[in-house]
Amino acid sequence: MNKDEKPDIKQQLQSVITKSSKLRKYSWLALIVLVALLYGYVLVKINGFLSATPSSSAIASNLKTSVSPVINQNVVNQLNQLQNNSVSVQALFNQARSNPFQ
């Protein structure tokens, strides 16, 4: 019984090897198709992320957690006094107002 099984296994293995050698010619084509499918999948996912919009509840929760800047009135008064006292400081403030990105 054991002797009968060995030739079957050998024959099956031999048939698998011959079929795989025939398919080996087309392995480059399978690789190109696989890469194209992965590329398409990534593009579809990116497009989905680009067109996604946040929900109104997510926007509201982020607005609640964001901190608005607080300006101390004493600092504002002190800057106004400095601007009024010095000509060079006045020029500095005027320059900053005319070009805030400098």
C-alpha atoms as a PDB file:
ATOM      1  CA  MET A   1       0.000   0.000   0.000  1.00  0.00           C
ATOM      2  CA  ASN A   2       2.838   2.356   0.841  1.00  0.00           C
ATOM      3  CA  LYS A   3       4.579   1.527  -2.448  1.00  0.00           C
ATOM      4  CA  ASP A   4       1.454   2.448  -4.402  1.00  0.00           C
ATOM      5  CA  GLU A   5       1.263   5.897  -2.813  1.00  0.00           C
ATOM      6  CA  LYS A   6       4.861   6.911  -3.553  1.00  0.00           C
ATOM      7  CA  PRO A   7       4.555   6.847  -7.356  1.00  0.00           C
ATOM      8  CA  ASP A   8       1.335   8.874  -7.134  1.00  0.00           C
ATOM      9  CA  ILE A   9       3.043  11.523  -5.066  1.00  0.00           C
ATOM     10  CA  LYS A  10       6.021  11.585  -7.405  1.00  0.00           C
ATOM     11  CA  GLN A  11       3.781  11.815 -10.437  1.00  0.00           C
ATOM     12  CA  GLN A  12       1.747  14.618  -8.868  1.00  0.00           C
ATOM     13  CA  LEU A  13       4.906  16.466  -7.936  1.00  0.00           C
ATOM     14  CA  GLN A  14       6.268  16.046 -11.451  1.00  0.00           C
ATOM     15  CA  SER A  15       3.034  17.340 -12.985  1.00  0.00           C
ATOM     16  CA  VAL A  16       3.077  20.369 -10.670  1.00  0.00           C
ATOM     17  CA  ILE A  17       6.677  21.118 -11.666  1.00  0.00           C
ATOM     18  CA  THR A  18       5.899  20.921 -15.374  1.00  0.00           C
ATOM     19  CA  LYS A  19       2.835  23.150 -14.995  1.00  0.00           C
ATOM     20  CA  SER A  20       4.801  25.683 -12.958  1.00  0.00           C
ATOM     21  CA  SER A  21       7.542  25.800 -15.598  1.00  0.00           C
ATOM     22  CA  LYS A  22       4.896  26.602 -18.217  1.00  0.00           C
ATOM     23  CA  LEU A  23       3.470  29.345 -16.019  1.00  0.00           C
ATOM     24  CA  ARG A  24       6.903  30.763 -15.214  1.00  0.00           C
ATOM     25  CA  LYS A  25       6.932  32.438 -18.634  1.00  0.00           C
ATOM     26  CA  TYR A  26       4.009  34.594 -17.558  1.00  0.00           C
ATOM     27  CA  SER A  27       5.254  35.460 -14.062  1.00  0.00           C
ATOM     28  CA  TRP A  28       6.456  38.913 -15.199  1.00  0.00           C
ATOM     29  CA  LEU A  29       2.973  39.641 -16.504  1.00  0.00           C
ATOM     30  CA  ALA A  30       1.448  38.598 -13.186  1.00  0.00           C
ATOM     31  CA  LEU A  31       3.909  40.858 -11.387  1.00  0.00           C
ATOM     32  CA  ILE A  32       2.998  43.838 -13.574  1.00  0.00           C
ATOM     33  CA  VAL A  33      -0.719  43.204 -13.031  1.00  0.00           C
ATOM     34  CA  LEU A  34      -0.163  42.953  -9.276  1.00  0.00           C
ATOM     35  CA  VAL A  35       1.756  46.237  -9.174  1.00  0.00           C
ATOM     36  CA  ALA A  36      -0.930  47.922 -11.305  1.00  0.00           C
ATOM     37  CA  LEU A  37      -3.657  46.680  -8.964  1.00  0.00           C
ATOM     38  CA  LEU A  38      -1.775  47.946  -5.904  1.00  0.00           C
ATOM     39  CA  TYR A  39      -1.204  51.308  -7.586  1.00  0.00           C
ATOM     40  CA  GLY A  40      -4.898  51.573  -8.472  1.00  0.00           C
ATOM     41  CA  TYR A  41      -5.917  50.687  -4.929  1.00  0.00           C
ATOM     42  CA  VAL A  42      -3.648  53.374  -3.486  1.00  0.00           C
ATOM     43  CA  LEU A  43      -5.031  55.960  -5.918  1.00  0.00           C
ATOM     44  CA  VAL A  44      -8.615  55.092  -5.011  1.00  0.00           C
ATOM     45  CA  LYS A  45      -7.820  55.372  -1.294  1.00  0.00           C
ATOM     46  CA  ILE A  46      -6.087  58.726  -1.762  1.00  0.00           C
ATOM     47  CA  ASN A  47      -9.049  60.020  -3.743  1.00  0.00           C
ATOM     48  CA  GLY A  48     -11.352  58.891  -0.940  1.00  0.00           C
ATOM     49  CA  PHE A  49      -9.289  60.757   1.639  1.00  0.00           C
ATOM     50  CA  LEU A  50      -9.204  63.905  -0.498  1.00  0.00           C
ATOM     51  CA  SER A  51     -12.958  64.019  -0.952  1.00  0.00           C
ATOM     52  CA  ALA A  52     -13.782  63.244   2.692  1.00  0.00           C
ATOM     53  CA  THR A  53     -15.302  66.122   4.646  1.00  0.00           C
ATOM     54  CA  PRO A  54     -15.467  66.339   8.419  1.00  0.00           C
ATOM     55  CA  SER A  55     -18.844  66.113  10.091  1.00  0.00           C
ATOM     56  CA  SER A  56     -20.378  69.127  11.780  1.00  0.00           C
ATOM     57  CA  SER A  57     -20.034  67.473  15.201  1.00  0.00           C
ATOM     58  CA  ALA A  58     -16.277  66.980  14.635  1.00  0.00           C
ATOM     59  CA  ILE A  59     -15.918  70.632  13.640  1.00  0.00           C
ATOM     60  CA  ALA A  60     -17.889  71.759  16.688  1.00  0.00           C
ATOM     61  CA  SER A  61     -15.829  69.613  19.066  1.00  0.00           C
ATOM     62  CA  ASN A  62     -12.569  70.970  17.625  1.00  0.00           C
ATOM     63  CA  LEU A  63     -13.809  74.534  17.930  1.00  0.00           C
ATOM     64  CA  LYS A  64     -14.657  73.949  21.586  1.00  0.00           C
ATOM     65  CA  THR A  65     -11.211  72.573  22.372  1.00  0.00           C
ATOM     66  CA  SER A  66      -9.241  75.256  20.516  1.00  0.00           C
ATOM     67  CA  VAL A  67      -7.808  77.968  22.722  1.00  0.00           C
ATOM     68  CA  SER A  68      -8.344  81.553  21.668  1.00  0.00           C
ATOM     69  CA  PRO A  69      -5.461  83.904  22.418  1.00  0.00           C
ATOM     70  CA  VAL A  70      -5.853  86.227  25.377  1.00  0.00           C
ATOM     71  CA  ILE A  71      -4.188  89.633  25.201  1.00  0.00           C
ATOM     72  CA  ASN A  72      -3.382  91.328  28.464  1.00  0.00           C
ATOM     73  CA  GLN A  73      -4.604  94.911  28.468  1.00  0.00           C
ATOM     74  CA  ASN A  74      -1.601  96.028  30.544  1.00  0.00           C
ATOM     75  CA  VAL A  75       0.745  94.848  27.792  1.00  0.00           C
ATOM     76  CA  VAL A  76      -1.274  96.748  25.182  1.00  0.00           C
ATOM     77  CA  ASN A  77      -1.133  99.927  27.244  1.00  0.00           C
ATOM     78  CA  GLN A  78       2.599  99.569  27.805  1.00  0.00           C
ATOM     79  CA  LEU A  79       3.252  99.069  24.069  1.00  0.00           C
ATOM     80  CA  ASN A  80       1.186 102.148  23.269  1.00  0.00           C
ATOM     81  CA  GLN A  81       3.177 104.186  25.786  1.00  0.00           C
ATOM     82  CA  LEU A  82       6.476 102.953  24.310  1.00  0.00           C
ATOM     83  CA  GLN A  83       5.310 103.803  20.815  1.00  0.00           C
ATOM     84  CA  ASN A  84       4.383 107.316  21.837  1.00  0.00           C
ATOM     85  CA  ASN A  85       7.682 107.938  23.669  1.00  0.00           C
ATOM     86  CA  SER A  86      10.253 106.881  21.093  1.00  0.00           C
ATOM     87  CA  VAL A  87      10.566 107.830  17.430  1.00  0.00           C
ATOM     88  CA  SER A  88      12.574 104.681  16.591  1.00  0.00           C
ATOM     89  CA  VAL A  89       9.893 102.506  18.169  1.00  0.00           C
ATOM     90  CA  GLN A  90       7.230 104.359  16.159  1.00  0.00           C
ATOM     91  CA  ALA A  91       9.177 103.617  12.971  1.00  0.00           C
ATOM     92  CA  LEU A  92       9.486  99.972  13.991  1.00  0.00           C
ATOM     93  CA  PHE A  93       5.745  99.686  14.585  1.00  0.00           C
ATOM     94  CA  ASN A  94       4.938 101.406  11.279  1.00  0.00           C
ATOM     95  CA  GLN A  95       7.282  99.083   9.418  1.00  0.00           C
ATOM     96  CA  ALA A  96       5.719  96.038  11.083  1.00  0.00           C
ATOM     97  CA  ARG A  97       2.238  97.262  10.180  1.00  0.00           C
ATOM     98  CA  SER A  98       3.134  97.827   6.541  1.00  0.00           C
ATOM     99  CA  ASN A  99       4.840  94.417   6.120  1.00  0.00           C
ATOM    100  CA  PRO A 100       3.785  91.925   8.813  1.00  0.00           C
ATOM    101  CA  PHE A 101       5.608  89.007   7.161  1.00  0.00           C
ATOM    102  CA  GLN A 102       9.060  90.511   7.451  1.00  0.00           C
END
